[in-house]
Amino acid sequence: MPVWFKRQLRRAYYQKDRYQIRLLNQCWFFYNKKNTALKESQNP
């Protein structure tokens, strides 16, 4: 997980910003899913 992303997530939790937490969570899972699929398609 990138450092800048961790910082944003930590700030959102600290400020109890539910909207931001949900948004970052969705972004992370989308990125992770896409990245995993990309790696699997590159390795036969």
PDB file of N, CA and C in Angstrom:
ATOM      1  N   MET A   1       0.858  -1.170   0.000  1.00  0.00           N
ATOM      2  CA  MET A   1       0.000   0.000   0.000  1.00  0.00           C
ATOM      3  C   MET A   1       0.904   1.232   0.000  1.00  0.00           C
ATOM      4  N   PRO A   2       0.666   2.170  -0.913  1.00  0.00           N
ATOM      5  CA  PRO A   2       1.505   3.369  -0.974  1.00  0.00           C
ATOM      6  C   PRO A   2       1.396   4.219   0.299  1.00  0.00           C
ATOM      7  N   VAL A   3       2.473   4.899   0.616  1.00  0.00           N
ATOM      8  CA  VAL A   3       2.533   5.714   1.840  1.00  0.00           C
ATOM      9  C   VAL A   3       1.480   6.819   1.813  1.00  0.00           C
ATOM     10  N   TRP A   4       1.331   7.491   0.666  1.00  0.00           N
ATOM     11  CA  TRP A   4       0.363   8.589   0.578  1.00  0.00           C
ATOM     12  C   TRP A   4      -1.054   8.075   0.832  1.00  0.00           C
ATOM     13  N   PHE A   5      -1.330   6.846   0.392  1.00  0.00           N
ATOM     14  CA  PHE A   5      -2.655   6.264   0.593  1.00  0.00           C
ATOM     15  C   PHE A   5      -2.886   5.947   2.065  1.00  0.00           C
ATOM     16  N   LYS A   6      -1.861   5.405   2.715  1.00  0.00           N
ATOM     17  CA  LYS A   6      -1.956   5.123   4.152  1.00  0.00           C
ATOM     18  C   LYS A   6      -2.235   6.397   4.929  1.00  0.00           C
ATOM     19  N   ARG A   7      -1.547   7.483   4.544  1.00  0.00           N
ATOM     20  CA  ARG A   7      -1.747   8.764   5.230  1.00  0.00           C
ATOM     21  C   ARG A   7      -3.184   9.249   5.093  1.00  0.00           C
ATOM     22  N   GLN A   8      -3.720   9.167   3.882  1.00  0.00           N
ATOM     23  CA  GLN A   8      -5.099   9.607   3.656  1.00  0.00           C
ATOM     24  C   GLN A   8      -6.078   8.761   4.461  1.00  0.00           C
ATOM     25  N   LEU A   9      -5.846   7.464   4.480  1.00  0.00           N
ATOM     26  CA  LEU A   9      -6.722   6.560   5.221  1.00  0.00           C
ATOM     27  C   LEU A   9      -6.657   6.838   6.718  1.00  0.00           C
ATOM     28  N   ARG A  10      -5.451   7.028   7.222  1.00  0.00           N
ATOM     29  CA  ARG A  10      -5.260   7.334   8.643  1.00  0.00           C
ATOM     30  C   ARG A  10      -5.966   8.638   9.009  1.00  0.00           C
ATOM     31  N   ARG A  11      -5.833   9.655   8.159  1.00  0.00           N
ATOM     32  CA  ARG A  11      -6.471  10.947   8.419  1.00  0.00           C
ATOM     33  C   ARG A  11      -7.990  10.805   8.428  1.00  0.00           C
ATOM     34  N   ALA A  12      -8.520  10.030   7.492  1.00  0.00           N
ATOM     35  CA  ALA A  12      -9.968   9.818   7.422  1.00  0.00           C
ATOM     36  C   ALA A  12     -10.476   9.118   8.685  1.00  0.00           C
ATOM     37  N   TYR A  13      -9.745   8.110   9.171  1.00  0.00           N
ATOM     38  CA  TYR A  13     -10.140   7.419  10.403  1.00  0.00           C
ATOM     39  C   TYR A  13     -10.040   8.351  11.606  1.00  0.00           C
ATOM     40  N   TYR A  14      -8.985   9.155  11.640  1.00  0.00           N
ATOM     41  CA  TYR A  14      -8.795  10.079  12.756  1.00  0.00           C
ATOM     42  C   TYR A  14      -9.928  11.104  12.813  1.00  0.00           C
ATOM     43  N   GLN A  15     -10.341  11.595  11.641  1.00  0.00           N
ATOM     44  CA  GLN A  15     -11.407  12.600  11.573  1.00  0.00           C
ATOM     45  C   GLN A  15     -12.800  11.966  11.563  1.00  0.00           C
ATOM     46  N   LYS A  16     -12.843  10.629  11.578  1.00  0.00           N
ATOM     47  CA  LYS A  16     -14.106   9.880  11.542  1.00  0.00           C
ATOM     48  C   LYS A  16     -14.968  10.289  10.344  1.00  0.00           C
ATOM     49  N   ASP A  17     -14.292  10.454   9.203  1.00  0.00           N
ATOM     50  CA  ASP A  17     -14.949  10.846   7.962  1.00  0.00           C
ATOM     51  C   ASP A  17     -15.390   9.580   7.220  1.00  0.00           C
ATOM     52  N   ARG A  18     -16.619   9.162   7.475  1.00  0.00           N
ATOM     53  CA  ARG A  18     -17.106   7.899   6.919  1.00  0.00           C
ATOM     54  C   ARG A  18     -17.120   7.895   5.395  1.00  0.00           C
ATOM     55  N   TYR A  19     -17.486   9.011   4.807  1.00  0.00           N
ATOM     56  CA  TYR A  19     -17.518   9.089   3.343  1.00  0.00           C
ATOM     57  C   TYR A  19     -16.126   8.841   2.762  1.00  0.00           C
ATOM     58  N   GLN A  20     -15.127   9.506   3.326  1.00  0.00           N
ATOM     59  CA  GLN A  20     -13.749   9.373   2.846  1.00  0.00           C
ATOM     60  C   GLN A  20     -13.226   7.947   3.070  1.00  0.00           C
ATOM     61  N   ILE A  21     -13.563   7.358   4.208  1.00  0.00           N
ATOM     62  CA  ILE A  21     -13.133   5.985   4.505  1.00  0.00           C
ATOM     63  C   ILE A  21     -13.710   5.027   3.472  1.00  0.00           C
ATOM     64  N   ARG A  22     -15.000   5.161   3.186  1.00  0.00           N
ATOM     65  CA  ARG A  22     -15.639   4.292   2.194  1.00  0.00           C
ATOM     66  C   ARG A  22     -15.024   4.471   0.814  1.00  0.00           C
ATOM     67  N   LEU A  23     -14.804   5.723   0.443  1.00  0.00           N
ATOM     68  CA  LEU A  23     -14.236   6.020  -0.868  1.00  0.00           C
ATOM     69  C   LEU A  23     -12.839   5.421  -1.015  1.00  0.00           C
ATOM     70  N   LEU A  24     -11.995   5.636  -0.019  1.00  0.00           N
ATOM     71  CA  LEU A  24     -10.632   5.100  -0.065  1.00  0.00           C
ATOM     72  C   LEU A  24     -10.641   3.578  -0.055  1.00  0.00           C
ATOM     73  N   ASN A  25     -11.547   2.994   0.711  1.00  0.00           N
ATOM     74  CA  ASN A  25     -11.664   1.543   0.770  1.00  0.00           C
ATOM     75  C   ASN A  25     -12.045   0.975  -0.599  1.00  0.00           C
ATOM     76  N   GLN A  26     -13.014   1.594  -1.247  1.00  0.00           N
ATOM     77  CA  GLN A  26     -13.422   1.151  -2.579  1.00  0.00           C
ATOM     78  C   GLN A  26     -12.277   1.297  -3.573  1.00  0.00           C
ATOM     79  N   CYS A  27     -11.566   2.408  -3.500  1.00  0.00           N
ATOM     80  CA  CYS A  27     -10.429   2.638  -4.398  1.00  0.00           C
ATOM     81  C   CYS A  27      -9.363   1.579  -4.199  1.00  0.00           C
ATOM     82  N   TRP A  28      -9.073   1.271  -2.938  1.00  0.00           N
ATOM     83  CA  TRP A  28      -8.032   0.285  -2.655  1.00  0.00           C
ATOM     84  C   TRP A  28      -8.418  -1.087  -3.188  1.00  0.00           C
ATOM     85  N   PHE A  29      -9.653  -1.534  -2.944  1.00  0.00           N
ATOM     86  CA  PHE A  29     -10.061  -2.854  -3.405  1.00  0.00           C
ATOM     87  C   PHE A  29     -10.124  -2.917  -4.927  1.00  0.00           C
ATOM     88  N   PHE A  30     -10.542  -1.828  -5.575  1.00  0.00           N
ATOM     89  CA  PHE A  30     -10.554  -1.779  -7.035  1.00  0.00           C
ATOM     90  C   PHE A  30      -9.134  -1.881  -7.581  1.00  0.00           C
ATOM     91  N   TYR A  31      -8.225  -1.102  -7.010  1.00  0.00           N
ATOM     92  CA  TYR A  31      -6.822  -1.113  -7.438  1.00  0.00           C
ATOM     93  C   TYR A  31      -6.201  -2.485  -7.201  1.00  0.00           C
ATOM     94  N   ASN A  32      -6.443  -3.047  -6.043  1.00  0.00           N
ATOM     95  CA  ASN A  32      -5.867  -4.339  -5.677  1.00  0.00           C
ATOM     96  C   ASN A  32      -6.377  -5.448  -6.602  1.00  0.00           C
ATOM     97  N   LYS A  33      -7.672  -5.432  -6.882  1.00  0.00           N
ATOM     98  CA  LYS A  33      -8.273  -6.434  -7.756  1.00  0.00           C
ATOM     99  C   LYS A  33      -7.706  -6.317  -9.174  1.00  0.00           C
ATOM    100  N   LYS A  34      -7.614  -5.090  -9.667  1.00  0.00           N
ATOM    101  CA  LYS A  34      -7.107  -4.850 -11.017  1.00  0.00           C
ATOM    102  C   LYS A  34      -5.632  -5.238 -11.109  1.00  0.00           C
ATOM    103  N   ASN A  35      -4.864  -4.892 -10.110  1.00  0.00           N
ATOM    104  CA  ASN A  35      -3.431  -5.172 -10.082  1.00  0.00           C
ATOM    105  C   ASN A  35      -3.172  -6.676 -10.004  1.00  0.00           C
ATOM    106  N   THR A  36      -3.952  -7.381  -9.210  1.00  0.00           N
ATOM    107  CA  THR A  36      -3.803  -8.829  -9.072  1.00  0.00           C
ATOM    108  C   THR A  36      -4.133  -9.518 -10.394  1.00  0.00           C
ATOM    109  N   ALA A  37      -5.201  -9.084 -11.051  1.00  0.00           N
ATOM    110  CA  ALA A  37      -5.596  -9.670 -12.333  1.00  0.00           C
ATOM    111  C   ALA A  37      -4.525  -9.412 -13.390  1.00  0.00           C
ATOM    112  N   LEU A  38      -3.931  -8.243 -13.360  1.00  0.00           N
ATOM    113  CA  LEU A  38      -2.885  -7.891 -14.314  1.00  0.00           C
ATOM    114  C   LEU A  38      -1.656  -8.768 -14.118  1.00  0.00           C
ATOM    115  N   LYS A  39      -1.264  -8.974 -12.864  1.00  0.00           N
ATOM    116  CA  LYS A  39      -0.098  -9.813 -12.569  1.00  0.00           C
ATOM    117  C   LYS A  39      -0.341 -11.260 -12.990  1.00  0.00           C
ATOM    118  N   GLU A  40      -1.552 -11.751 -12.754  1.00  0.00           N
ATOM    119  CA  GLU A  40      -1.872 -13.131 -13.115  1.00  0.00           C
ATOM    120  C   GLU A  40      -1.873 -13.327 -14.622  1.00  0.00           C
ATOM    121  N   SER A  41      -2.319 -12.325 -15.366  1.00  0.00           N
ATOM    122  CA  SER A  41      -2.357 -12.449 -16.822  1.00  0.00           C
ATOM    123  C   SER A  41      -0.952 -12.378 -17.428  1.00  0.00           C
ATOM    124  N   GLN A  42      -0.015 -11.748 -16.741  1.00  0.00           N
ATOM    125  CA  GLN A  42       1.354 -11.642 -17.241  1.00  0.00           C
ATOM    126  C   GLN A  42       2.145 -12.913 -16.969  1.00  0.00           C
ATOM    127  N   ASN A  43       1.809 -13.626 -15.905  1.00  0.00           N
ATOM    128  CA  ASN A  43       2.504 -14.868 -15.555  1.00  0.00           C
ATOM    129  C   ASN A  43       1.674 -16.063 -16.010  1.00  0.00           C
ATOM    130  N   PRO A  44       2.170 -16.825 -16.984  1.00  0.00           N
ATOM    131  CA  PRO A  44       1.375 -17.962 -17.492  1.00  0.00           C
ATOM    132  C   PRO A  44       1.282 -19.111 -16.510  1.00  0.00           C
TER     133      PRO A  44
END
